N, C-alpha and C. Protein backbone atom coordinates (compact mmCIF):
# COMPACT_ATOMS: atom_id res chain seq x y z
N MET A 1 149.01 53.75 86.04
CA MET A 1 148.19 54.90 85.68
C MET A 1 149.10 56.05 85.27
N THR A 2 148.77 56.66 84.17
CA THR A 2 149.58 57.78 83.70
C THR A 2 149.08 59.09 84.30
N SER A 3 149.97 60.01 84.38
CA SER A 3 149.64 61.31 84.96
C SER A 3 148.97 62.20 83.90
N PRO A 4 147.93 62.94 84.28
CA PRO A 4 147.29 63.85 83.32
C PRO A 4 148.13 65.10 83.06
N ILE A 5 149.16 65.30 83.86
CA ILE A 5 150.04 66.46 83.68
C ILE A 5 151.08 66.11 82.62
N PRO A 6 151.21 66.95 81.58
CA PRO A 6 152.19 66.64 80.53
C PRO A 6 153.62 66.78 81.04
N PRO A 7 154.56 66.11 80.39
CA PRO A 7 155.96 66.26 80.80
C PRO A 7 156.44 67.70 80.58
N ALA A 8 157.54 68.01 81.21
CA ALA A 8 158.04 69.39 81.18
C ALA A 8 158.43 69.83 79.77
N ALA A 9 159.04 68.97 79.00
CA ALA A 9 159.50 69.34 77.66
C ALA A 9 158.44 69.00 76.62
N PRO A 10 158.22 69.89 75.65
CA PRO A 10 157.25 69.57 74.60
C PRO A 10 157.77 68.44 73.71
N THR A 11 156.84 67.66 73.21
CA THR A 11 157.23 66.56 72.33
C THR A 11 157.39 67.08 70.90
N ARG A 12 157.83 66.20 70.04
CA ARG A 12 157.99 66.55 68.62
C ARG A 12 156.65 66.92 68.00
N PHE A 13 155.59 66.24 68.44
CA PHE A 13 154.27 66.51 67.89
C PHE A 13 153.71 67.84 68.38
N ASP A 14 154.05 68.22 69.61
CA ASP A 14 153.66 69.54 70.08
C ASP A 14 154.32 70.63 69.23
N LEU A 15 155.58 70.44 68.93
CA LEU A 15 156.29 71.41 68.10
C LEU A 15 155.73 71.46 66.68
N MET A 16 155.32 70.31 66.17
CA MET A 16 154.70 70.28 64.84
C MET A 16 153.41 71.08 64.82
N LEU A 17 152.58 70.92 65.86
CA LEU A 17 151.33 71.67 65.92
C LEU A 17 151.58 73.17 66.01
N VAL A 18 152.60 73.56 66.75
CA VAL A 18 152.94 74.98 66.83
C VAL A 18 153.39 75.50 65.48
N LEU A 19 154.23 74.74 64.78
CA LEU A 19 154.71 75.17 63.46
C LEU A 19 153.57 75.28 62.45
N ILE A 20 152.64 74.35 62.49
CA ILE A 20 151.51 74.40 61.56
C ILE A 20 150.67 75.64 61.84
N GLY A 21 150.38 75.88 63.10
CA GLY A 21 149.58 77.06 63.46
C GLY A 21 150.27 78.37 63.11
N LEU A 22 151.56 78.45 63.41
CA LEU A 22 152.30 79.68 63.08
C LEU A 22 152.38 79.91 61.58
N SER A 23 152.54 78.85 60.83
CA SER A 23 152.60 78.99 59.38
C SER A 23 151.29 79.54 58.83
N LEU A 24 150.18 78.96 59.26
CA LEU A 24 148.88 79.42 58.75
C LEU A 24 148.55 80.83 59.23
N LEU A 25 148.88 81.13 60.47
CA LEU A 25 148.63 82.47 61.00
C LEU A 25 149.48 83.51 60.26
N THR A 26 150.74 83.18 60.01
CA THR A 26 151.61 84.10 59.29
C THR A 26 151.10 84.38 57.88
N GLY A 27 150.64 83.34 57.20
CA GLY A 27 150.10 83.53 55.86
C GLY A 27 148.88 84.44 55.85
N GLY A 28 148.01 84.27 56.82
CA GLY A 28 146.83 85.12 56.90
C GLY A 28 147.18 86.56 57.21
N VAL A 29 148.10 86.76 58.14
CA VAL A 29 148.51 88.12 58.51
C VAL A 29 149.21 88.81 57.35
N VAL A 30 150.07 88.09 56.65
CA VAL A 30 150.76 88.68 55.50
C VAL A 30 149.76 89.05 54.42
N GLY A 31 148.77 88.20 54.20
CA GLY A 31 147.76 88.50 53.18
C GLY A 31 146.91 89.71 53.52
N VAL A 32 146.64 89.89 54.80
CA VAL A 32 145.80 91.03 55.21
C VAL A 32 146.60 92.32 55.25
N LEU A 33 147.83 92.27 55.70
CA LEU A 33 148.60 93.50 55.92
C LEU A 33 149.47 93.93 54.75
N SER A 34 149.55 93.15 53.69
CA SER A 34 150.40 93.53 52.57
C SER A 34 149.58 93.58 51.29
N THR A 35 150.27 93.86 50.21
CA THR A 35 149.59 93.91 48.91
C THR A 35 149.49 92.54 48.25
N ILE A 36 150.08 91.53 48.88
CA ILE A 36 149.98 90.17 48.36
C ILE A 36 148.55 89.69 48.56
N PRO A 37 147.92 89.13 47.55
CA PRO A 37 146.55 88.63 47.72
C PRO A 37 146.48 87.55 48.79
N ILE A 38 145.39 87.55 49.53
CA ILE A 38 145.28 86.62 50.65
C ILE A 38 145.25 85.18 50.17
N TYR A 39 144.69 84.94 48.98
CA TYR A 39 144.66 83.56 48.49
C TYR A 39 146.07 83.06 48.17
N LEU A 40 146.95 83.95 47.76
CA LEU A 40 148.32 83.56 47.46
C LEU A 40 149.13 83.32 48.73
N SER A 41 149.00 84.22 49.69
CA SER A 41 149.76 84.05 50.93
C SER A 41 149.24 82.88 51.76
N SER A 42 147.93 82.68 51.78
CA SER A 42 147.41 81.54 52.54
C SER A 42 147.72 80.23 51.83
N GLY A 43 147.79 80.24 50.52
CA GLY A 43 148.18 79.04 49.79
C GLY A 43 149.62 78.67 50.05
N ALA A 44 150.49 79.66 50.08
CA ALA A 44 151.90 79.39 50.37
C ALA A 44 152.09 78.91 51.80
N SER A 45 151.34 79.49 52.72
CA SER A 45 151.48 79.06 54.11
C SER A 45 150.90 77.66 54.32
N SER A 46 149.86 77.32 53.60
CA SER A 46 149.33 75.96 53.73
C SER A 46 150.28 74.94 53.11
N LEU A 47 151.01 75.34 52.10
CA LEU A 47 152.03 74.46 51.54
C LEU A 47 153.14 74.21 52.56
N ALA A 48 153.54 75.26 53.26
CA ALA A 48 154.56 75.10 54.30
C ALA A 48 154.03 74.22 55.44
N ALA A 49 152.77 74.38 55.80
CA ALA A 49 152.18 73.55 56.85
C ALA A 49 152.08 72.10 56.41
N SER A 50 151.80 71.88 55.13
CA SER A 50 151.71 70.50 54.66
C SER A 50 153.07 69.83 54.63
N VAL A 51 154.13 70.59 54.48
CA VAL A 51 155.49 70.03 54.57
C VAL A 51 155.74 69.53 55.98
N VAL A 52 155.28 70.26 56.98
CA VAL A 52 155.44 69.83 58.37
C VAL A 52 154.64 68.55 58.62
N VAL A 53 153.43 68.48 58.09
CA VAL A 53 152.61 67.28 58.25
C VAL A 53 153.26 66.10 57.55
N TYR A 54 153.77 66.31 56.36
CA TYR A 54 154.46 65.24 55.63
C TYR A 54 155.66 64.73 56.41
N GLU A 55 156.43 65.64 56.96
CA GLU A 55 157.60 65.26 57.74
C GLU A 55 157.20 64.43 58.96
N GLY A 56 156.13 64.83 59.61
CA GLY A 56 155.74 64.15 60.84
C GLY A 56 155.00 62.85 60.64
N LEU A 57 154.33 62.69 59.51
CA LEU A 57 153.51 61.49 59.32
C LEU A 57 154.06 60.50 58.32
N VAL A 58 154.83 60.96 57.35
CA VAL A 58 155.33 60.07 56.30
C VAL A 58 156.81 59.76 56.49
N ARG A 59 157.62 60.77 56.63
CA ARG A 59 159.06 60.54 56.76
C ARG A 59 159.44 60.00 58.13
N ASN A 60 158.83 60.52 59.18
CA ASN A 60 159.11 60.07 60.54
C ASN A 60 157.79 59.76 61.26
N PRO A 61 157.17 58.63 60.92
CA PRO A 61 155.86 58.33 61.50
C PRO A 61 155.95 58.07 63.00
N PRO A 62 154.83 58.24 63.69
CA PRO A 62 154.83 57.94 65.13
C PRO A 62 155.06 56.46 65.35
N THR A 63 155.77 56.14 66.41
CA THR A 63 156.08 54.75 66.70
C THR A 63 155.26 54.20 67.87
N GLU A 64 154.58 55.04 68.59
CA GLU A 64 153.80 54.57 69.75
C GLU A 64 152.40 54.25 69.36
């Protein structure tokens, strides 16, 4: 039986989720607080988030 408590160190996938969230949040904040249009900043941040997804699912797929 596995423990419901996660291990002490975050996994690679935990870090990927954090990076995706931070990327999208940063794009939204930059779009709202600057003169850059929100569609441009959110598009750039979603491109950065998709790079993280590509890295995690295509280049280094899960093995478990």
